[in-house]
C-alpha cells in the first residue's frame, strides 16, 4: 500500500520518524524515508519556481503586452521576454519527472 506523502511531511502533521521505525521493523533501510523527503522538497521547490514564472508570464501579458497591442504599439521585446520565460518553464517542467524518480 502506498504511503501518502503528507504523512511524511512534518509541516502537514506527518510523522516521518514513525515511518523510519516501520522501515527498521521490516528490516529495510530507514534512510529511504529521508531520501523521499529530500526528493519531495526538490520537487516542491521546482514546482514553486514554475508557478512563480507562470505568474510573471500572466502579469506580463495582462499588464504590458495586451495594453500595447490594444494601442497598436510595438511590443516585440516584451513578447521575446515572455517567450524566454515560457522556455524556462518548459525546461523546469522537464526536470520534474527526473526529480520525482
C-alpha atoms as a PDB file:
ATOM      1  CA  UNK A   1       0.000   0.000   0.000  1.00  0.00           C
ATOM      2  CA  UNK A   2       1.417   3.391  -0.952  1.00  0.00           C
ATOM      3  CA  UNK A   3       2.228   5.901   1.728  1.00  0.00           C
ATOM      4  CA  UNK A   4       0.590   9.305   1.497  1.00  0.00           C
ATOM      5  CA  UNK A   5       3.363  11.895   1.163  1.00  0.00           C
ATOM      6  CA  UNK A   6       1.524  14.173   3.590  1.00  0.00           C
ATOM      7  CA  UNK A   7       2.039  11.573   6.313  1.00  0.00           C
ATOM      8  CA  UNK A   8       5.796  12.152   5.883  1.00  0.00           C
ATOM      9  CA  UNK A   9       5.704  15.949   5.756  1.00  0.00           C
ATOM     10  CA  UNK A  10       6.183  17.316   9.261  1.00  0.00           C
ATOM     11  CA  UNK A  11       4.640  20.690   8.400  1.00  0.00           C
ATOM     12  CA  UNK A  12       1.453  18.847   7.380  1.00  0.00           C
ATOM     13  CA  UNK A  13       1.275  16.951  10.657  1.00  0.00           C
ATOM     14  CA  UNK A  14       3.090  13.867   9.384  1.00  0.00           C
ATOM     15  CA  UNK A  15       5.465  11.704  11.381  1.00  0.00           C
ATOM     16  CA  UNK A  16       8.490  10.628   9.327  1.00  0.00           C
ATOM     17  CA  UNK A  17      10.122   9.209  12.453  1.00  0.00           C
ATOM     18  CA  UNK A  18       7.271   6.726  12.722  1.00  0.00           C
ATOM     19  CA  UNK A  19       7.899   5.554   9.156  1.00  0.00           C
ATOM     20  CA  UNK A  20      11.625   5.245   9.815  1.00  0.00           C
ATOM     21  CA  UNK A  21      10.734   2.961  12.705  1.00  0.00           C
ATOM     22  CA  UNK A  22       8.379   0.941  10.462  1.00  0.00           C
ATOM     23  CA  UNK A  23      11.175   0.521   7.931  1.00  0.00           C
ATOM     24  CA  UNK A  24      13.537  -0.794  10.624  1.00  0.00           C
ATOM     25  CA  UNK A  25      10.886  -3.233  11.812  1.00  0.00           C
ATOM     26  CA  UNK A  26      10.621  -4.551   8.264  1.00  0.00           C
ATOM     27  CA  UNK A  27      14.440  -4.845   8.018  1.00  0.00           C
ATOM     28  CA  UNK A  28      14.603  -2.155   5.347  1.00  0.00           C
ATOM     29  CA  UNK A  29      16.825   0.887   5.137  1.00  0.00           C
ATOM     30  CA  UNK A  30      15.227   3.707   7.183  1.00  0.00           C
ATOM     31  CA  UNK A  31      17.177   6.342   5.223  1.00  0.00           C
ATOM     32  CA  UNK A  32      14.746   5.745   2.352  1.00  0.00           C
ATOM     33  CA  UNK A  33      12.299   7.965   4.221  1.00  0.00           C
ATOM     34  CA  UNK A  34      14.887  10.763   4.230  1.00  0.00           C
ATOM     35  CA  UNK A  35      15.553  10.226   0.534  1.00  0.00           C
ATOM     36  CA  UNK A  36      11.841  10.513  -0.228  1.00  0.00           C
ATOM     37  CA  UNK A  37      11.599  13.707   1.829  1.00  0.00           C
ATOM     38  CA  UNK A  38      14.611  15.191   0.023  1.00  0.00           C
ATOM     39  CA  UNK A  39      13.107  14.421  -3.392  1.00  0.00           C
ATOM     40  CA  UNK A  40       9.781  15.823  -2.258  1.00  0.00           C
ATOM     41  CA  UNK A  41      11.472  19.041  -1.149  1.00  0.00           C
ATOM     42  CA  UNK A  42      13.280  19.362  -4.503  1.00  0.00           C
ATOM     43  CA  UNK A  43      10.022  18.689  -6.370  1.00  0.00           C
ATOM     44  CA  UNK A  44       8.171  21.337  -4.357  1.00  0.00           C
ATOM     45  CA  UNK A  45      10.935  23.902  -4.995  1.00  0.00           C
ATOM     46  CA  UNK A  46      10.806  23.321  -8.744  1.00  0.00           C
ATOM     47  CA  UNK A  47       7.008  23.412  -8.672  1.00  0.00           C
ATOM     48  CA  UNK A  48       7.121  26.750  -6.802  1.00  0.00           C
ATOM     49  CA  UNK A  49       9.556  28.154  -9.378  1.00  0.00           C
ATOM     50  CA  UNK A  50       7.261  27.093 -12.212  1.00  0.00           C
ATOM     51  CA  UNK A  51       4.256  28.682 -10.526  1.00  0.00           C
ATOM     52  CA  UNK A  52       6.175  31.910  -9.960  1.00  0.00           C
ATOM     53  CA  UNK A  53       7.291  32.041 -13.594  1.00  0.00           C
ATOM     54  CA  UNK A  54       3.726  31.435 -14.770  1.00  0.00           C
ATOM     55  CA  UNK A  55       2.585  34.363 -12.639  1.00  0.00           C
ATOM     56  CA  UNK A  56       5.249  36.523 -14.294  1.00  0.00           C
ATOM     57  CA  UNK A  57       4.052  35.485 -17.759  1.00  0.00           C
ATOM     58  CA  UNK A  58       0.431  36.208 -16.907  1.00  0.00           C
ATOM     59  CA  UNK A  59       1.299  39.577 -15.386  1.00  0.00           C
ATOM     60  CA  UNK A  60       3.426  40.492 -18.410  1.00  0.00           C
ATOM     61  CA  UNK A  61       0.636  39.527 -20.791  1.00  0.00           C
ATOM     62  CA  UNK A  62      -2.101  41.366 -18.923  1.00  0.00           C
ATOM     63  CA  UNK A  63      -0.282  44.492 -17.806  1.00  0.00           C
ATOM     64  CA  UNK A  64       2.231  45.117 -20.588  1.00  0.00           C
ATOM     65  CA  UNK A  65       1.595  43.212 -23.805  1.00  0.00           C
ATOM     66  CA  UNK A  66      -2.203  43.448 -24.011  1.00  0.00           C
ATOM     67  CA  UNK A  67      -2.369  47.242 -23.491  1.00  0.00           C
ATOM     68  CA  UNK A  68       0.418  47.811 -26.024  1.00  0.00           C
ATOM     69  CA  UNK A  69      -1.298  45.605 -28.610  1.00  0.00           C
ATOM     70  CA  UNK A  70      -4.589  47.387 -27.973  1.00  0.00           C
ATOM     71  CA  UNK A  71      -2.855  50.721 -28.555  1.00  0.00           C
ATOM     72  CA  UNK A  72      -1.140  49.218 -31.638  1.00  0.00           C
ATOM     73  CA  UNK A  73       2.312  49.880 -30.154  1.00  0.00           C
ATOM     74  CA  UNK A  74       5.296  47.619 -30.850  1.00  0.00           C
ATOM     75  CA  UNK A  75       5.910  45.067 -28.097  1.00  0.00           C
ATOM     76  CA  UNK A  76       8.473  42.703 -29.630  1.00  0.00           C
ATOM     77  CA  UNK A  77      10.832  42.907 -26.660  1.00  0.00           C
ATOM     78  CA  UNK A  78       8.091  42.057 -24.189  1.00  0.00           C
ATOM     79  CA  UNK A  79       6.977  39.118 -26.322  1.00  0.00           C
ATOM     80  CA  UNK A  80      10.581  37.960 -26.538  1.00  0.00           C
ATOM     81  CA  UNK A  81      10.878  38.169 -22.731  1.00  0.00           C
ATOM     82  CA  UNK A  82       7.627  36.237 -22.333  1.00  0.00           C
ATOM     83  CA  UNK A  83       8.854  33.511 -24.686  1.00  0.00           C
ATOM     84  CA  UNK A  84      12.121  33.179 -22.769  1.00  0.00           C
ATOM     85  CA  UNK A  85      10.179  32.780 -19.524  1.00  0.00           C
ATOM     86  CA  UNK A  86       7.965  30.168 -21.169  1.00  0.00           C
ATOM     87  CA  UNK A  87      11.068  28.302 -22.358  1.00  0.00           C
ATOM     88  CA  UNK A  88      12.354  28.285 -18.774  1.00  0.00           C
ATOM     89  CA  UNK A  89       9.003  26.899 -17.611  1.00  0.00           C
ATOM     90  CA  UNK A  90       9.256  24.062 -20.153  1.00  0.00           C
ATOM     91  CA  UNK A  91      12.815  23.306 -19.046  1.00  0.00           C
ATOM     92  CA  UNK A  92      11.759  23.132 -15.393  1.00  0.00           C
ATOM     93  CA  UNK A  93       8.716  21.004 -16.230  1.00  0.00           C
ATOM     94  CA  UNK A  94      11.038  18.555 -17.981  1.00  0.00           C
ATOM     95  CA  UNK A  95      13.035  18.278 -14.736  1.00  0.00           C
ATOM     96  CA  UNK A  96      10.006  17.372 -12.603  1.00  0.00           C
ATOM     97  CA  UNK A  97       9.815  13.672 -13.611  1.00  0.00           C
ATOM     98  CA  UNK A  98      13.583  13.325 -13.158  1.00  0.00           C
ATOM     99  CA  UNK A  99      13.403  14.704  -9.616  1.00  0.00           C
ATOM    100  CA  UNK A 100      10.418  12.513  -8.775  1.00  0.00           C
ATOM    101  CA  UNK A 101      12.247   9.283  -9.689  1.00  0.00           C
END
